[in-house]
Amino acid sequence: MARRRRPHRPLTLDASHWRADGQPKVRFGSRADALVAAYERAQDADAELGVYECAFCHGWHMGRRAGRRGGVDER
């Protein structure tokens, strides 16, 4: 059986800026924009998503809320 190749990723300073499938994460310009997108995606996919400010690009990203209760982070 052939080994599965991982998608090509350009080198960056922060590997957390990439999704598990090798694509770059979506950057939102504000927390409010990220919260709206996370809420909509959570409704469509029935997933628990949170938002966080990225220390690398200073934008906002959304991601799974592993090990946490609730849905969208509403800090």
N, C-alpha and C. Protein backbone atom coordinates (compact mmCIF):
# COMPACT_ATOMS: atom_id res chain seq x y z
N MET A 1 0.85 -1.18 0.00
CA MET A 1 0.00 0.00 0.00
C MET A 1 0.89 1.24 0.00
N ALA A 2 0.59 2.19 -0.85
CA ALA A 2 1.40 3.41 -0.96
C ALA A 2 1.18 4.31 0.24
N ARG A 3 2.24 4.97 0.64
CA ARG A 3 2.12 5.93 1.74
C ARG A 3 1.42 7.18 1.27
N ARG A 4 0.60 7.73 2.12
CA ARG A 4 -0.12 8.95 1.80
C ARG A 4 0.79 10.15 2.01
N ARG A 5 0.90 10.99 1.01
CA ARG A 5 1.76 12.17 1.12
C ARG A 5 1.00 13.30 1.76
N ARG A 6 1.67 14.03 2.60
CA ARG A 6 1.08 15.21 3.22
C ARG A 6 1.10 16.37 2.24
N PRO A 7 0.12 17.27 2.30
CA PRO A 7 0.12 18.42 1.39
C PRO A 7 1.34 19.31 1.63
N HIS A 8 1.80 19.94 0.58
CA HIS A 8 2.94 20.85 0.69
C HIS A 8 2.55 22.09 1.48
N ARG A 9 3.40 22.48 2.40
CA ARG A 9 3.22 23.70 3.17
C ARG A 9 4.43 24.59 2.99
N PRO A 10 4.24 25.85 2.64
CA PRO A 10 5.39 26.75 2.64
C PRO A 10 5.93 26.90 4.07
N LEU A 11 7.19 27.11 4.20
CA LEU A 11 7.77 27.28 5.53
C LEU A 11 7.32 28.60 6.15
N THR A 12 6.93 28.54 7.39
CA THR A 12 6.55 29.73 8.15
C THR A 12 7.13 29.62 9.53
N LEU A 13 7.02 30.69 10.28
CA LEU A 13 7.52 30.69 11.65
C LEU A 13 6.58 29.97 12.60
N ASP A 14 5.32 29.82 12.22
CA ASP A 14 4.33 29.28 13.13
C ASP A 14 3.52 28.18 12.46
N ALA A 15 3.76 26.94 12.82
CA ALA A 15 3.05 25.81 12.21
C ALA A 15 1.58 25.78 12.62
N SER A 16 1.19 26.46 13.69
CA SER A 16 -0.20 26.45 14.12
C SER A 16 -1.07 27.32 13.21
N HIS A 17 -0.49 27.94 12.24
CA HIS A 17 -1.22 28.80 11.31
C HIS A 17 -1.84 27.99 10.18
N TRP A 18 -1.77 26.66 10.28
CA TRP A 18 -2.25 25.76 9.23
C TRP A 18 -3.29 24.82 9.78
N ARG A 19 -4.28 24.51 8.97
CA ARG A 19 -5.30 23.53 9.35
C ARG A 19 -4.71 22.13 9.23
N ALA A 20 -5.40 21.15 9.78
CA ALA A 20 -4.93 19.77 9.74
C ALA A 20 -4.80 19.24 8.32
N ASP A 21 -5.58 19.80 7.37
CA ASP A 21 -5.50 19.32 5.98
C ASP A 21 -4.42 20.01 5.17
N GLY A 22 -3.61 20.86 5.82
CA GLY A 22 -2.51 21.51 5.14
C GLY A 22 -2.83 22.87 4.56
N GLN A 23 -4.07 23.28 4.61
CA GLN A 23 -4.47 24.58 4.08
C GLN A 23 -4.26 25.66 5.15
N PRO A 24 -4.01 26.90 4.74
CA PRO A 24 -3.85 27.96 5.74
C PRO A 24 -5.17 28.25 6.45
N LYS A 25 -5.09 28.63 7.70
CA LYS A 25 -6.29 29.01 8.44
C LYS A 25 -6.82 30.34 7.92
N VAL A 26 -8.12 30.52 8.03
CA VAL A 26 -8.75 31.78 7.62
C VAL A 26 -8.45 32.82 8.69
N ARG A 27 -8.04 34.01 8.26
CA ARG A 27 -7.74 35.10 9.18
C ARG A 27 -8.91 36.09 9.13
N PHE A 28 -9.44 36.40 10.31
CA PHE A 28 -10.50 37.39 10.43
C PHE A 28 -9.90 38.65 11.02
N GLY A 29 -10.33 39.80 10.54
CA GLY A 29 -9.77 41.07 10.97
C GLY A 29 -10.22 41.51 12.35
N SER A 30 -11.34 40.96 12.82
CA SER A 30 -11.83 41.35 14.14
C SER A 30 -12.42 40.14 14.85
N ARG A 31 -12.51 40.24 16.15
CA ARG A 31 -13.10 39.18 16.96
C ARG A 31 -14.56 38.99 16.58
N ALA A 32 -15.26 40.09 16.33
CA ALA A 32 -16.68 40.02 15.98
C ALA A 32 -16.88 39.24 14.68
N ASP A 33 -16.04 39.49 13.68
CA ASP A 33 -16.14 38.76 12.41
C ASP A 33 -15.90 37.26 12.63
N ALA A 34 -14.92 36.94 13.46
CA ALA A 34 -14.61 35.54 13.74
C ALA A 34 -15.75 34.87 14.50
N LEU A 35 -16.36 35.57 15.43
CA LEU A 35 -17.48 35.00 16.19
C LEU A 35 -18.67 34.70 15.29
N VAL A 36 -18.97 35.61 14.36
CA VAL A 36 -20.08 35.39 13.43
C VAL A 36 -19.80 34.16 12.57
N ALA A 37 -18.59 34.07 12.02
CA ALA A 37 -18.22 32.93 11.18
C ALA A 37 -18.25 31.62 11.97
N ALA A 38 -17.75 31.64 13.20
CA ALA A 38 -17.73 30.43 14.03
C ALA A 38 -19.15 30.00 14.37
N TYR A 39 -20.02 30.94 14.66
CA TYR A 39 -21.42 30.61 14.96
C TYR A 39 -22.08 29.97 13.74
N GLU A 40 -21.88 30.58 12.56
CA GLU A 40 -22.49 30.04 11.34
C GLU A 40 -21.94 28.65 11.01
N ARG A 41 -20.63 28.49 11.12
CA ARG A 41 -20.02 27.18 10.83
C ARG A 41 -20.49 26.14 11.84
N ALA A 42 -20.63 26.52 13.09
CA ALA A 42 -21.08 25.59 14.12
C ALA A 42 -22.50 25.12 13.84
N GLN A 43 -23.35 26.01 13.34
CA GLN A 43 -24.72 25.64 13.00
C GLN A 43 -24.75 24.68 11.82
N ASP A 44 -23.92 24.94 10.81
CA ASP A 44 -23.88 24.09 9.61
C ASP A 44 -23.30 22.71 9.90
N ALA A 45 -22.23 22.67 10.67
CA ALA A 45 -21.49 21.42 10.87
C ALA A 45 -21.81 20.75 12.20
N ASP A 46 -22.66 21.35 13.01
CA ASP A 46 -22.96 20.83 14.34
C ASP A 46 -21.67 20.55 15.12
N ALA A 47 -20.81 21.57 15.15
CA ALA A 47 -19.51 21.45 15.81
C ALA A 47 -19.37 22.56 16.84
N GLU A 48 -18.55 22.33 17.83
CA GLU A 48 -18.26 23.35 18.83
C GLU A 48 -17.00 24.08 18.40
N LEU A 49 -17.12 25.36 18.11
CA LEU A 49 -15.99 26.16 17.65
C LEU A 49 -15.75 27.34 18.58
N GLY A 50 -14.52 27.69 18.73
CA GLY A 50 -14.14 28.87 19.50
C GLY A 50 -13.31 29.79 18.63
N VAL A 51 -13.11 31.00 19.10
CA VAL A 51 -12.26 31.94 18.38
C VAL A 51 -11.12 32.36 19.30
N TYR A 52 -10.00 32.73 18.68
CA TYR A 52 -8.84 33.15 19.46
C TYR A 52 -8.01 34.11 18.64
N GLU A 53 -7.32 35.00 19.35
CA GLU A 53 -6.43 35.93 18.69
C GLU A 53 -5.10 35.22 18.44
N CYS A 54 -4.59 35.35 17.22
CA CYS A 54 -3.36 34.67 16.82
C CYS A 54 -2.15 35.53 17.19
N ALA A 55 -1.22 34.95 17.92
CA ALA A 55 -0.01 35.67 18.30
C ALA A 55 0.93 35.86 17.11
N PHE A 56 0.74 35.07 16.06
CA PHE A 56 1.60 35.14 14.89
C PHE A 56 1.19 36.27 13.94
N CYS A 57 -0.10 36.32 13.57
CA CYS A 57 -0.56 37.31 12.58
C CYS A 57 -1.40 38.42 13.20
N HIS A 58 -1.73 38.30 14.48
CA HIS A 58 -2.54 39.27 15.22
C HIS A 58 -3.95 39.41 14.65
N GLY A 59 -4.37 38.43 13.86
CA GLY A 59 -5.75 38.35 13.40
C GLY A 59 -6.50 37.39 14.32
N TRP A 60 -7.67 37.01 13.91
CA TRP A 60 -8.50 36.09 14.69
C TRP A 60 -8.76 34.84 13.87
N HIS A 61 -8.73 33.68 14.52
CA HIS A 61 -9.00 32.39 13.89
C HIS A 61 -10.08 31.68 14.69
N MET A 62 -10.70 30.68 14.05
CA MET A 62 -11.62 29.83 14.79
C MET A 62 -11.08 28.42 14.78
N GLY A 63 -11.46 27.66 15.79
CA GLY A 63 -11.00 26.28 15.90
C GLY A 63 -11.89 25.48 16.82
N ARG A 64 -11.63 24.19 16.86
CA ARG A 64 -12.41 23.31 17.73
C ARG A 64 -12.13 23.64 19.18
N ARG A 65 -13.13 23.41 19.99
CA ARG A 65 -13.01 23.66 21.42
C ARG A 65 -12.80 22.33 22.13
N ALA A 66 -11.67 21.72 21.93
CA ALA A 66 -11.37 20.42 22.52
C ALA A 66 -11.37 20.51 24.04
N GLY A 67 -12.14 19.62 24.66
CA GLY A 67 -12.14 19.52 26.11
C GLY A 67 -12.85 20.66 26.83
N ARG A 68 -13.58 21.47 26.11
CA ARG A 68 -14.29 22.58 26.75
C ARG A 68 -15.78 22.42 26.53
N ARG A 69 -16.56 22.97 27.44
CA ARG A 69 -18.00 22.96 27.29
C ARG A 69 -18.44 24.19 26.51
N GLY A 70 -19.60 24.09 25.91
CA GLY A 70 -20.16 25.24 25.21
C GLY A 70 -19.68 25.30 23.78
N GLY A 71 -20.05 26.38 23.11
CA GLY A 71 -19.72 26.53 21.71
C GLY A 71 -18.72 27.63 21.49
N VAL A 72 -19.16 28.69 20.90
CA VAL A 72 -18.30 29.81 20.53
C VAL A 72 -17.79 30.52 21.78
N ASP A 73 -16.51 30.80 21.79
CA ASP A 73 -15.87 31.52 22.91
C ASP A 73 -16.45 32.92 22.96
N GLU A 74 -17.00 33.30 24.10
CA GLU A 74 -17.63 34.61 24.21
C GLU A 74 -16.98 35.47 25.26
N ARG A 75 -15.65 35.41 25.33
CA ARG A 75 -14.92 36.23 26.31
C ARG A 75 -15.17 37.68 26.12
